[in-house]
Amino acid sequence: MARRLVTVFGGSGFLGRAIVHRLAGRGWSVRVAVRHPASAEFLLPMGEVGQISLVRADVGDGAAVAAAVAGADAVVNLVGILTESSRRTFQAIHADGAARIAAAARDAGITAFVQMSAVGASASSDAAYARSKAAGETAVRDAIPGATILRPSVVFGPDDDFFNRFGKMAVLSPVLPVFTGDGYHVVWNGARPSLDLFGTGGPRFQPVYVGDVAAAVVAVLDDPTLAGQTYELGGPAVYSMKQIMELVLSSSGLHRRLLPLPMGLAMVQARVFEYLPTPPLTRDQVRMMQVNNILAGDEPGLGDLGIAATPAETILPQYMRRFGPANRAAR
């Protein structure tokens, strides 16, 4: 029996690697569309000989996109950026790119389409990232009404750019910042007041394991009755930014002080960081942090796909311990 063919745009990234591996394990033939195929050759051993193929396709090139989807049974679009450059803007990648891929899939007669969006995607958001993600959703659904939209919260796993970023920061700095947006609170201990400089701990997150997101993609492609909806994907627990930093420290074995900083100062820092080639923080990211990155609860989620959400505490020690003093001393 011939394998079904799925084209995965952006399959060489952190999330894409997990999805390609999971799709290959489920028996799909996987065509990975990337800008630089040579840099994605590490994906080939994830399947049997010939099961995974690489094609060159920039989402700004309509002809290349059309060629990448030709003959496919399904399409998954994972292409995304966290910071903008002069040529790769949120609008160009998240909105125009998604529209181009969906239109090519429609023209090829493909109806099984998965669009990776994000929790917080909204046309009315103050953050350009979130607005562009919402525009991408609209463009995809306009082209393919039965497309599936997945909105994950912060995705974590061994190669993530979330916990690992804070782990690297903890190695270099004696303090970790906790950006608080709700001011300071007076806490009463009996009859004595004290000042809680962390407030409620800053913005809240609901980190979702990369393996669970990959399982969600496979679930909607394997079972057409699950397709055509918008799913919010989050982990089983919600953490404040302060709790996230505490997780970083407990899972790595590092001991650092937490420093509460107001969002206003974060915005000032981001304005300076934006001059760096790879800014660690941008003003748009600060705007995103001013809104909790948690599930709204209005859409189905992992449970509706038959997936039990993986707790962060069971996965983080497996890769965060690399930042701990014992592991660094052994290198």
C-alpha atoms as a PDB file:
ATOM      1  CA  MET A   1       0.000   0.000   0.000  1.00  0.00           C
ATOM      2  CA  ALA A   2       1.389   3.380  -1.027  1.00  0.00           C
ATOM      3  CA  ARG A   3       2.226   5.774   1.742  1.00  0.00           C
ATOM      4  CA  ARG A   4       0.323   9.036   2.033  1.00  0.00           C
ATOM      5  CA  LEU A   5       2.461  12.072   1.279  1.00  0.00           C
ATOM      6  CA  VAL A   6       2.544  15.174   3.472  1.00  0.00           C
ATOM      7  CA  THR A   7       4.478  18.341   2.695  1.00  0.00           C
ATOM      8  CA  VAL A   8       5.802  20.060   5.820  1.00  0.00           C
ATOM      9  CA  PHE A   9       6.907  23.667   5.429  1.00  0.00           C
ATOM     10  CA  GLY A  10       9.483  24.634   8.052  1.00  0.00           C
ATOM     11  CA  GLY A  11      10.155  21.037   9.020  1.00  0.00           C
ATOM     12  CA  SER A  12      13.775  21.574  10.062  1.00  0.00           C
ATOM     13  CA  GLY A  13      13.026  23.794  13.066  1.00  0.00           C
ATOM     14  CA  PHE A  14      12.627  22.846  16.707  1.00  0.00           C
ATOM     15  CA  LEU A  15       8.942  21.934  16.363  1.00  0.00           C
ATOM     16  CA  GLY A  16       9.309  20.699  12.789  1.00  0.00           C
ATOM     17  CA  ARG A  17      11.874  18.051  13.734  1.00  0.00           C
ATOM     18  CA  ALA A  18       9.494  16.487  16.238  1.00  0.00           C
ATOM     19  CA  ILE A  19       6.611  16.552  13.763  1.00  0.00           C
ATOM     20  CA  VAL A  20       8.621  15.032  10.891  1.00  0.00           C
ATOM     21  CA  HIS A  21       9.834  12.257  13.196  1.00  0.00           C
ATOM     22  CA  ARG A  22       6.307  11.534  14.424  1.00  0.00           C
ATOM     23  CA  LEU A  23       4.802  11.563  10.914  1.00  0.00           C
ATOM     24  CA  ALA A  24       7.473   9.190   9.627  1.00  0.00           C
ATOM     25  CA  GLY A  25       6.791   6.879  12.555  1.00  0.00           C
ATOM     26  CA  ARG A  26       3.114   6.832  11.599  1.00  0.00           C
ATOM     27  CA  GLY A  27       3.961   5.724   8.063  1.00  0.00           C
ATOM     28  CA  TRP A  28       3.639   8.993   6.170  1.00  0.00           C
ATOM     29  CA  SER A  29       6.016   9.911   3.366  1.00  0.00           C
ATOM     30  CA  VAL A  30       7.294  13.330   4.384  1.00  0.00           C
ATOM     31  CA  ARG A  31       8.408  16.018   1.970  1.00  0.00           C
ATOM     32  CA  VAL A  32      10.158  18.750   3.955  1.00  0.00           C
ATOM     33  CA  ALA A  33      10.072  22.178   2.297  1.00  0.00           C
ATOM     34  CA  VAL A  34      12.846  24.458   3.576  1.00  0.00           C
ATOM     35  CA  ARG A  35      14.943  27.353   2.317  1.00  0.00           C
ATOM     36  CA  HIS A  36      18.224  25.450   2.668  1.00  0.00           C
ATOM     37  CA  PRO A  37      17.795  21.682   2.104  1.00  0.00           C
ATOM     38  CA  ALA A  38      21.471  20.932   2.767  1.00  0.00           C
ATOM     39  CA  SER A  39      21.087  22.132   6.354  1.00  0.00           C
ATOM     40  CA  ALA A  40      18.098  19.823   6.873  1.00  0.00           C
ATOM     41  CA  GLU A  41      19.752  16.545   5.842  1.00  0.00           C
ATOM     42  CA  PHE A  42      19.826  15.468   9.495  1.00  0.00           C
ATOM     43  CA  LEU A  43      16.101  14.721   9.100  1.00  0.00           C
ATOM     44  CA  LEU A  44      16.620  11.920   6.570  1.00  0.00           C
ATOM     45  CA  PRO A  45      17.555   9.154   9.083  1.00  0.00           C
ATOM     46  CA  MET A  46      14.285   9.774  10.961  1.00  0.00           C
ATOM     47  CA  GLY A  47      12.522   7.533   8.420  1.00  0.00           C
ATOM     48  CA  GLU A  48      13.230   4.569   6.214  1.00  0.00           C
ATOM     49  CA  VAL A  49      15.322   5.032   3.081  1.00  0.00           C
ATOM     50  CA  GLY A  50      13.431   7.388   0.780  1.00  0.00           C
ATOM     51  CA  GLN A  51      10.603   8.046   3.238  1.00  0.00           C
ATOM     52  CA  ILE A  52      11.727  11.617   3.955  1.00  0.00           C
ATOM     53  CA  SER A  53      12.710  13.980   1.149  1.00  0.00           C
ATOM     54  CA  LEU A  54      13.903  17.571   1.096  1.00  0.00           C
ATOM     55  CA  VAL A  55      12.878  20.310  -1.341  1.00  0.00           C
ATOM     56  CA  ARG A  56      13.911  23.929  -1.615  1.00  0.00           C
ATOM     57  CA  ALA A  57      11.030  26.336  -1.084  1.00  0.00           C
ATOM     58  CA  ASP A  58      10.869  29.869   0.249  1.00  0.00           C
ATOM     59  CA  VAL A  59       7.351  30.875   1.278  1.00  0.00           C
ATOM     60  CA  GLY A  60       7.821  34.070  -0.729  1.00  0.00           C
ATOM     61  CA  ASP A  61       8.309  32.113  -3.962  1.00  0.00           C
ATOM     62  CA  GLY A  62       4.938  31.076  -5.366  1.00  0.00           C
ATOM     63  CA  ALA A  63       6.344  28.696  -7.980  1.00  0.00           C
ATOM     64  CA  ALA A  64       8.519  26.890  -5.425  1.00  0.00           C
ATOM     65  CA  VAL A  65       5.595  26.601  -3.012  1.00  0.00           C
ATOM     66  CA  ALA A  66       3.362  25.157  -5.737  1.00  0.00           C
ATOM     67  CA  ALA A  67       6.022  22.610  -6.683  1.00  0.00           C
ATOM     68  CA  ALA A  68       6.457  21.625  -3.017  1.00  0.00           C
ATOM     69  CA  VAL A  69       2.766  20.747  -2.564  1.00  0.00           C
ATOM     70  CA  ALA A  70       2.283  19.036  -5.934  1.00  0.00           C
ATOM     71  CA  GLY A  71       1.040  15.474  -5.481  1.00  0.00           C
ATOM     72  CA  ALA A  72       0.738  15.733  -1.693  1.00  0.00           C
ATOM     73  CA  ASP A  73      -2.210  14.409   0.294  1.00  0.00           C
ATOM     74  CA  ALA A  74      -1.755  16.909   3.125  1.00  0.00           C
ATOM     75  CA  VAL A  75       0.147  20.078   3.990  1.00  0.00           C
ATOM     76  CA  VAL A  76       1.480  21.319   7.333  1.00  0.00           C
ATOM     77  CA  ASN A  77       2.701  24.912   7.640  1.00  0.00           C
ATOM     78  CA  LEU A  78       5.091  25.520  10.534  1.00  0.00           C
ATOM     79  CA  VAL A  79       7.020  28.476   9.136  1.00  0.00           C
ATOM     80  CA  GLY A  80       7.415  31.228  11.709  1.00  0.00           C
ATOM     81  CA  ILE A  81       9.813  33.780  13.147  1.00  0.00           C
ATOM     82  CA  LEU A  82      10.130  35.351  16.591  1.00  0.00           C
ATOM     83  CA  THR A  83      11.919  38.529  15.516  1.00  0.00           C
ATOM     84  CA  GLU A  84      11.727  40.538  12.315  1.00  0.00           C
ATOM     85  CA  SER A  85      14.438  41.598   9.894  1.00  0.00           C
ATOM     86  CA  SER A  86      14.261  43.956   6.942  1.00  0.00           C
ATOM     87  CA  ARG A  87      13.147  41.181   4.567  1.00  0.00           C
ATOM     88  CA  ARG A  88      11.595  38.584   6.849  1.00  0.00           C
ATOM     89  CA  THR A  89       8.759  40.413   8.550  1.00  0.00           C
ATOM     90  CA  PHE A  90       5.846  38.978  10.500  1.00  0.00           C
ATOM     91  CA  GLN A  91       3.482  40.041   7.719  1.00  0.00           C
ATOM     92  CA  ALA A  92       5.609  38.426   5.015  1.00  0.00           C
ATOM     93  CA  ILE A  93       6.095  35.125   6.848  1.00  0.00           C
ATOM     94  CA  HIS A  94       3.040  34.557   9.031  1.00  0.00           C
ATOM     95  CA  ALA A  95       0.367  36.176   6.877  1.00  0.00           C
ATOM     96  CA  ASP A  96       1.499  36.392   3.237  1.00  0.00           C
ATOM     97  CA  GLY A  97       3.489  33.147   3.416  1.00  0.00           C
ATOM     98  CA  ALA A  98       0.593  31.237   4.955  1.00  0.00           C
ATOM     99  CA  ALA A  99      -1.762  32.649   2.333  1.00  0.00           C
ATOM    100  CA  ARG A 100       0.580  31.564  -0.473  1.00  0.00           C
ATOM    101  CA  ILE A 101       0.932  28.012   0.881  1.00  0.00           C
ATOM    102  CA  ALA A 102      -2.815  27.612   1.455  1.00  0.00           C
ATOM    103  CA  ALA A 103      -3.661  28.938  -2.011  1.00  0.00           C
ATOM    104  CA  ALA A 104      -1.189  26.501  -3.595  1.00  0.00           C
ATOM    105  CA  ALA A 105      -2.692  23.620  -1.600  1.00  0.00           C
ATOM    106  CA  ARG A 106      -6.208  24.624  -2.646  1.00  0.00           C
ATOM    107  CA  ASP A 107      -5.184  24.828  -6.297  1.00  0.00           C
ATOM    108  CA  ALA A 108      -3.634  21.353  -5.990  1.00  0.00           C
ATOM    109  CA  GLY A 109      -6.916  19.977  -4.622  1.00  0.00           C
ATOM    110  CA  ILE A 110      -5.534  19.413  -1.101  1.00  0.00           C
ATOM    111  CA  THR A 111      -8.036  19.790   1.731  1.00  0.00           C
ATOM    112  CA  ALA A 112      -6.034  18.309   4.634  1.00  0.00           C
ATOM    113  CA  PHE A 113      -4.148  21.358   5.907  1.00  0.00           C
ATOM    114  CA  VAL A 114      -2.678  22.138   9.337  1.00  0.00           C
ATOM    115  CA  GLN A 115      -1.684  25.709  10.155  1.00  0.00           C
ATOM    116  CA  MET A 116       0.528  26.267  13.189  1.00  0.00           C
ATOM    117  CA  SER A 117      -0.541  29.486  14.880  1.00  0.00           C
ATOM    118  CA  ALA A 118      -0.105  30.572  18.515  1.00  0.00           C
ATOM    119  CA  VAL A 119      -2.068  31.215  21.681  1.00  0.00           C
ATOM    120  CA  GLY A 120      -2.970  34.883  21.736  1.00  0.00           C
ATOM    121  CA  ALA A 121      -3.343  35.244  17.962  1.00  0.00           C
ATOM    122  CA  SER A 122      -5.679  38.205  17.538  1.00  0.00           C
ATOM    123  CA  ALA A 123      -6.310  40.906  14.971  1.00  0.00           C
ATOM    124  CA  SER A 124      -6.718  43.389  17.827  1.00  0.00           C
ATOM    125  CA  SER A 125      -3.493  42.532  19.693  1.00  0.00           C
ATOM    126  CA  ASP A 126      -0.965  45.254  20.484  1.00  0.00           C
ATOM    127  CA  ALA A 127       1.773  42.844  19.340  1.00  0.00           C
ATOM    128  CA  ALA A 128       2.535  42.635  15.626  1.00  0.00           C
ATOM    129  CA  TYR A 129       3.465  38.953  16.058  1.00  0.00           C
ATOM    130  CA  ALA A 130       0.007  38.047  17.362  1.00  0.00           C
ATOM    131  CA  ARG A 131      -1.747  40.133  14.704  1.00  0.00           C
ATOM    132  CA  SER A 132       0.224  38.441  11.925  1.00  0.00           C
ATOM    133  CA  LYS A 133      -0.588  34.996  13.311  1.00  0.00           C
ATOM    134  CA  ALA A 134      -4.287  35.898  13.270  1.00  0.00           C
ATOM    135  CA  ALA A 135      -3.955  37.156   9.688  1.00  0.00           C
ATOM    136  CA  GLY A 136      -2.361  33.849   8.736  1.00  0.00           C
ATOM    137  CA  GLU A 137      -5.261  31.925  10.253  1.00  0.00           C
ATOM    138  CA  THR A 138      -7.760  34.002   8.293  1.00  0.00           C
ATOM    139  CA  ALA A 139      -5.859  33.591   5.028  1.00  0.00           C
ATOM    140  CA  VAL A 140      -5.679  29.817   5.447  1.00  0.00           C
ATOM    141  CA  ARG A 141      -9.349  29.433   6.297  1.00  0.00           C
ATOM    142  CA  ASP A 142     -10.315  31.697   3.376  1.00  0.00           C
ATOM    143  CA  ALA A 143      -8.464  29.349   1.007  1.00  0.00           C
ATOM    144  CA  ILE A 144      -9.280  26.051   2.741  1.00  0.00           C
ATOM    145  CA  PRO A 145     -12.334  26.320   5.025  1.00  0.00           C
ATOM    146  CA  GLY A 146     -11.715  22.833   6.410  1.00  0.00           C
ATOM    147  CA  ALA A 147      -8.147  23.592   7.512  1.00  0.00           C
ATOM    148  CA  THR A 148      -7.105  22.826  11.078  1.00  0.00           C
ATOM    149  CA  ILE A 149      -5.596  25.618  13.191  1.00  0.00           C
ATOM    150  CA  LEU A 150      -3.337  24.722  16.114  1.00  0.00           C
ATOM    151  CA  ARG A 151      -2.594  27.393  18.711  1.00  0.00           C
ATOM    152  CA  PRO A 152       0.094  26.213  21.134  1.00  0.00           C
ATOM    153  CA  SER A 153       1.260  28.127  24.165  1.00  0.00           C
ATOM    154  CA  VAL A 154       5.024  28.300  24.706  1.00  0.00           C
ATOM    155  CA  VAL A 155       6.450  25.026  23.363  1.00  0.00           C
ATOM    156  CA  PHE A 156       9.185  23.367  25.423  1.00  0.00           C
ATOM    157  CA  GLY A 157      11.578  20.511  24.768  1.00  0.00           C
ATOM    158  CA  PRO A 158      15.314  19.773  24.618  1.00  0.00           C
ATOM    159  CA  ASP A 159      16.051  22.336  21.890  1.00  0.00           C
ATOM    160  CA  ASP A 160      13.521  25.001  22.842  1.00  0.00           C
ATOM    161  CA  ASP A 161      14.235  28.712  22.816  1.00  0.00           C
ATOM    162  CA  PHE A 162      12.379  29.366  26.063  1.00  0.00           C
ATOM    163  CA  PHE A 163      13.729  27.428  29.034  1.00  0.00           C
ATOM    164  CA  ASN A 164      17.117  27.050  27.365  1.00  0.00           C
ATOM    165  CA  ARG A 165      17.389  30.806  26.943  1.00  0.00           C
ATOM    166  CA  PHE A 166      16.808  31.360  30.644  1.00  0.00           C
ATOM    167  CA  GLY A 167      19.198  28.518  31.469  1.00  0.00           C
ATOM    168  CA  LYS A 168      21.981  30.197  29.481  1.00  0.00           C
ATOM    169  CA  MET A 169      21.161  33.476  31.206  1.00  0.00           C
ATOM    170  CA  ALA A 170      21.403  31.810  34.617  1.00  0.00           C
ATOM    171  CA  VAL A 171      24.864  30.464  33.801  1.00  0.00           C
ATOM    172  CA  LEU A 172      26.138  33.950  32.984  1.00  0.00           C
ATOM    173  CA  SER A 173      24.318  36.057  35.553  1.00  0.00           C
ATOM    174  CA  PRO A 174      23.912  35.883  39.352  1.00  0.00           C
ATOM    175  CA  VAL A 175      20.322  37.128  38.982  1.00  0.00           C
ATOM    176  CA  LEU A 176      17.354  36.279  36.778  1.00  0.00           C
ATOM    177  CA  PRO A 177      14.860  39.011  35.879  1.00  0.00           C
ATOM    178  CA  VAL A 178      11.152  38.632  36.529  1.00  0.00           C
ATOM    179  CA  PHE A 179       9.221  41.219  34.550  1.00  0.00           C
ATOM    180  CA  THR A 180       6.151  42.198  36.523  1.00  0.00           C
ATOM    181  CA  GLY A 181       3.289  44.108  34.998  1.00  0.00           C
ATOM    182  CA  ASP A 182       0.944  44.430  37.942  1.00  0.00           C
ATOM    183  CA  GLY A 183       2.950  46.531  40.372  1.00  0.00           C
ATOM    184  CA  TYR A 184       3.997  45.707  43.917  1.00  0.00           C
ATOM    185  CA  HIS A 185       1.702  44.279  46.570  1.00  0.00           C
ATOM    186  CA  VAL A 186       1.524  44.866  50.312  1.00  0.00           C
ATOM    187  CA  VAL A 187       1.394  41.541  52.125  1.00  0.00           C
ATOM    188  CA  TRP A 188       0.215  41.333  55.719  1.00  0.00           C
ATOM    189  CA  ASN A 189       1.957  38.907  58.043  1.00  0.00           C
ATOM    190  CA  GLY A 190      -0.266  39.150  61.061  1.00  0.00           C
ATOM    191  CA  ALA A 191      -0.300  42.838  61.975  1.00  0.00           C
ATOM    192  CA  ARG A 192       2.949  43.626  60.135  1.00  0.00           C
ATOM    193  CA  PRO A 193       2.867  44.698  56.484  1.00  0.00           C
ATOM    194  CA  SER A 194       5.638  43.847  54.049  1.00  0.00           C
ATOM    195  CA  LEU A 195       6.185  44.753  50.420  1.00  0.00           C
ATOM    196  CA  ASP A 196       6.000  41.940  47.862  1.00  0.00           C
ATOM    197  CA  LEU A 197       8.116  43.226  44.980  1.00  0.00           C
ATOM    198  CA  PHE A 198       6.987  40.430  42.637  1.00  0.00           C
ATOM    199  CA  GLY A 199       3.270  41.222  42.769  1.00  0.00           C
ATOM    200  CA  THR A 200       1.466  38.198  41.328  1.00  0.00           C
ATOM    201  CA  GLY A 201       4.661  36.969  39.666  1.00  0.00           C
ATOM    202  CA  GLY A 202       4.320  38.588  36.261  1.00  0.00           C
ATOM    203  CA  PRO A 203       2.719  37.213  33.101  1.00  0.00           C
ATOM    204  CA  ARG A 204       1.445  33.641  33.101  1.00  0.00           C
ATOM    205  CA  PHE A 205       2.380  30.825  30.728  1.00  0.00           C
ATOM    206  CA  GLN A 206       1.028  27.341  30.018  1.00  0.00           C
ATOM    207  CA  PRO A 207       4.017  25.542  28.441  1.00  0.00           C
ATOM    208  CA  VAL A 208       3.188  22.598  26.179  1.00  0.00           C
ATOM    209  CA  TYR A 209       5.593  19.749  25.425  1.00  0.00           C
ATOM    210  CA  VAL A 210       6.888  19.582  21.848  1.00  0.00           C
ATOM    211  CA  GLY A 211       6.018  15.888  21.649  1.00  0.00           C
ATOM    212  CA  ASP A 212       2.390  16.652  22.499  1.00  0.00           C
ATOM    213  CA  VAL A 213       2.177  19.294  19.754  1.00  0.00           C
ATOM    214  CA  ALA A 214       3.654  16.813  17.270  1.00  0.00           C
ATOM    215  CA  ALA A 215       1.106  14.222  18.387  1.00  0.00           C
ATOM    216  CA  ALA A 216      -1.668  16.770  17.784  1.00  0.00           C
ATOM    217  CA  VAL A 217      -0.550  17.309  14.185  1.00  0.00           C
ATOM    218  CA  VAL A 218      -0.516  13.569  13.537  1.00  0.00           C
ATOM    219  CA  ALA A 219      -3.907  13.105  15.218  1.00  0.00           C
ATOM    220  CA  VAL A 220      -5.736  15.574  12.964  1.00  0.00           C
ATOM    221  CA  LEU A 221      -4.054  14.204   9.839  1.00  0.00           C
ATOM    222  CA  ASP A 222      -4.747  10.564  10.731  1.00  0.00           C
ATOM    223  CA  ASP A 223      -8.384  11.135  11.694  1.00  0.00           C
ATOM    224  CA  PRO A 224     -10.378  13.413   9.343  1.00  0.00           C
ATOM    225  CA  THR A 225     -13.182  13.660  11.926  1.00  0.00           C
ATOM    226  CA  LEU A 226     -10.827  15.685  14.131  1.00  0.00           C
ATOM    227  CA  ALA A 227      -9.846  18.114  11.364  1.00  0.00           C
ATOM    228  CA  GLY A 228     -11.334  21.486  10.506  1.00  0.00           C
ATOM    229  CA  GLN A 229     -11.300  22.967  14.014  1.00  0.00           C
ATOM    230  CA  THR A 230      -9.152  25.379  15.991  1.00  0.00           C
ATOM    231  CA  TYR A 231      -7.333  23.704  18.872  1.00  0.00           C
ATOM    232  CA  GLU A 232      -5.592  25.455  21.763  1.00  0.00           C
ATOM    233  CA  LEU A 233      -2.650  23.418  23.002  1.00  0.00           C
ATOM    234  CA  GLY A 234      -1.304  23.904  26.497  1.00  0.00           C
ATOM    235  CA  GLY A 235       0.297  21.935  29.283  1.00  0.00           C
ATOM    236  CA  PRO A 236      -1.478  20.754  32.435  1.00  0.00           C
ATOM    237  CA  ALA A 237      -0.265  23.660  34.595  1.00  0.00           C
ATOM    238  CA  VAL A 238      -0.108  27.463  34.475  1.00  0.00           C
ATOM    239  CA  TYR A 239       2.995  29.247  35.782  1.00  0.00           C
ATOM    240  CA  SER A 240       3.749  32.879  36.489  1.00  0.00           C
ATOM    241  CA  MET A 241       7.005  34.238  35.117  1.00  0.00           C
ATOM    242  CA  LYS A 242       8.427  34.005  38.629  1.00  0.00           C
ATOM    243  CA  GLN A 243       7.466  30.334  38.776  1.00  0.00           C
ATOM    244  CA  ILE A 244       9.011  29.769  35.340  1.00  0.00           C
ATOM    245  CA  MET A 245      12.316  31.129  36.628  1.00  0.00           C
ATOM    246  CA  GLU A 246      12.035  28.928  39.712  1.00  0.00           C
ATOM    247  CA  LEU A 247      11.505  25.941  37.404  1.00  0.00           C
ATOM    248  CA  VAL A 248      14.642  26.902  35.484  1.00  0.00           C
ATOM    249  CA  LEU A 249      16.661  26.933  38.695  1.00  0.00           C
ATOM    250  CA  SER A 250      15.209  23.785  40.248  1.00  0.00           C
ATOM    251  CA  SER A 251      15.586  21.712  37.066  1.00  0.00           C
ATOM    252  CA  SER A 252      19.142  22.881  36.391  1.00  0.00           C
ATOM    253  CA  GLY A 253      20.452  22.780  39.943  1.00  0.00           C
ATOM    254  CA  LEU A 254      21.552  26.420  39.792  1.00  0.00           C
ATOM    255  CA  HIS A 255      21.108  28.890  42.629  1.00  0.00           C
ATOM    256  CA  ARG A 256      20.372  32.442  41.537  1.00  0.00           C
ATOM    257  CA  ARG A 257      18.480  35.403  42.926  1.00  0.00           C
ATOM    258  CA  LEU A 258      15.305  36.563  41.215  1.00  0.00           C
ATOM    259  CA  LEU A 259      15.072  40.280  40.496  1.00  0.00           C
ATOM    260  CA  PRO A 260      11.645  41.888  39.995  1.00  0.00           C
ATOM    261  CA  LEU A 261      11.665  44.437  37.151  1.00  0.00           C
ATOM    262  CA  PRO A 262       8.722  46.515  35.898  1.00  0.00           C
ATOM    263  CA  MET A 263       7.492  46.054  32.330  1.00  0.00           C
ATOM    264  CA  GLY A 264       8.439  49.646  31.617  1.00  0.00           C
ATOM    265  CA  LEU A 265      12.089  48.807  32.192  1.00  0.00           C
ATOM    266  CA  ALA A 266      11.732  45.733  29.978  1.00  0.00           C
ATOM    267  CA  MET A 267      10.528  47.995  27.187  1.00  0.00           C
ATOM    268  CA  VAL A 268      13.549  50.272  27.629  1.00  0.00           C
ATOM    269  CA  GLN A 269      15.920  47.281  27.543  1.00  0.00           C
ATOM    270  CA  ALA A 270      14.212  45.882  24.461  1.00  0.00           C
ATOM    271  CA  ARG A 271      14.629  49.178  22.627  1.00  0.00           C
ATOM    272  CA  VAL A 272      18.401  48.853  23.132  1.00  0.00           C
ATOM    273  CA  PHE A 273      18.544  45.109  22.407  1.00  0.00           C
ATOM    274  CA  GLU A 274      16.811  45.599  19.060  1.00  0.00           C
ATOM    275  CA  TYR A 275      20.055  47.022  17.667  1.00  0.00           C
ATOM    276  CA  LEU A 276      21.745  43.626  18.122  1.00  0.00           C
ATOM    277  CA  PRO A 277      21.891  41.159  15.191  1.00  0.00           C
ATOM    278  CA  THR A 278      19.942  38.589  17.249  1.00  0.00           C
ATOM    279  CA  PRO A 279      18.084  40.552  19.924  1.00  0.00           C
ATOM    280  CA  PRO A 280      17.356  38.607  23.140  1.00  0.00           C
ATOM    281  CA  LEU A 281      14.293  40.781  23.695  1.00  0.00           C
ATOM    282  CA  THR A 282      12.207  43.044  21.457  1.00  0.00           C
ATOM    283  CA  ARG A 283       9.512  45.589  22.193  1.00  0.00           C
ATOM    284  CA  ASP A 284       6.983  43.408  20.410  1.00  0.00           C
ATOM    285  CA  GLN A 285       7.859  40.524  22.736  1.00  0.00           C
ATOM    286  CA  VAL A 286       7.370  42.794  25.736  1.00  0.00           C
ATOM    287  CA  ARG A 287       3.927  43.713  24.398  1.00  0.00           C
ATOM    288  CA  MET A 288       3.172  40.001  24.153  1.00  0.00           C
ATOM    289  CA  MET A 289       4.265  39.476  27.765  1.00  0.00           C
ATOM    290  CA  GLN A 290       1.721  42.034  28.876  1.00  0.00           C
ATOM    291  CA  VAL A 291      -0.968  39.462  28.033  1.00  0.00           C
ATOM    292  CA  ASN A 292      -1.049  36.042  29.693  1.00  0.00           C
ATOM    293  CA  ASN A 293       0.055  33.234  27.355  1.00  0.00           C
ATOM    294  CA  ILE A 294      -2.553  30.741  28.534  1.00  0.00           C
ATOM    295  CA  LEU A 295      -5.476  28.928  26.969  1.00  0.00           C
ATOM    296  CA  ALA A 296      -8.698  30.902  26.738  1.00  0.00           C
ATOM    297  CA  GLY A 297     -10.687  27.707  27.182  1.00  0.00           C
ATOM    298  CA  ASP A 298     -13.083  28.506  24.337  1.00  0.00           C
ATOM    299  CA  GLU A 299     -11.629  25.950  21.917  1.00  0.00           C
ATOM    300  CA  PRO A 300     -10.953  22.191  22.108  1.00  0.00           C
ATOM    301  CA  GLY A 301      -7.493  21.112  23.216  1.00  0.00           C
ATOM    302  CA  LEU A 302      -5.140  18.175  23.628  1.00  0.00           C
ATOM    303  CA  GLY A 303      -7.688  16.143  25.554  1.00  0.00           C
ATOM    304  CA  ASP A 304     -10.129  16.342  22.660  1.00  0.00           C
ATOM    305  CA  LEU A 305      -7.408  14.820  20.473  1.00  0.00           C
ATOM    306  CA  GLY A 306      -6.871  11.958  22.921  1.00  0.00           C
ATOM    307  CA  ILE A 307      -3.540  13.355  24.136  1.00  0.00           C
ATOM    308  CA  ALA A 308      -2.619  13.621  27.829  1.00  0.00           C
ATOM    309  CA  ALA A 309      -0.630  16.813  28.392  1.00  0.00           C
ATOM    310  CA  THR A 310       2.908  16.217  29.648  1.00  0.00           C
ATOM    311  CA  PRO A 311       3.925  18.110  32.819  1.00  0.00           C
ATOM    312  CA  ALA A 312       6.972  20.346  32.415  1.00  0.00           C
ATOM    313  CA  GLU A 313       8.472  18.986  35.633  1.00  0.00           C
ATOM    314  CA  THR A 314       8.867  15.515  34.098  1.00  0.00           C
ATOM    315  CA  ILE A 315      10.796  16.737  31.042  1.00  0.00           C
ATOM    316  CA  LEU A 316      12.807  19.785  32.102  1.00  0.00           C
ATOM    317  CA  PRO A 317      15.405  17.985  34.272  1.00  0.00           C
ATOM    318  CA  GLN A 318      16.322  15.811  31.271  1.00  0.00           C
ATOM    319  CA  TYR A 319      17.848  18.768  29.437  1.00  0.00           C
ATOM    320  CA  MET A 320      18.106  21.663  31.865  1.00  0.00           C
ATOM    321  CA  ARG A 321      20.666  19.871  34.024  1.00  0.00           C
ATOM    322  CA  ARG A 322      23.204  20.645  31.280  1.00  0.00           C
ATOM    323  CA  PHE A 323      23.379  24.150  32.760  1.00  0.00           C
ATOM    324  CA  GLY A 324      24.063  22.877  36.274  1.00  0.00           C
ATOM    325  CA  PRO A 325      27.485  23.216  37.907  1.00  0.00           C
ATOM    326  CA  ALA A 326      28.240  19.475  37.870  1.00  0.00           C
ATOM    327  CA  ASN A 327      27.654  19.057  34.138  1.00  0.00           C
ATOM    328  CA  ARG A 328      29.517  22.233  33.203  1.00  0.00           C
ATOM    329  CA  ALA A 329      32.489  21.195  35.349  1.00  0.00           C
ATOM    330  CA  ALA A 330      32.646  17.820  33.566  1.00  0.00           C
ATOM    331  CA  ARG A 331      33.041  19.394  30.123  1.00  0.00           C
END
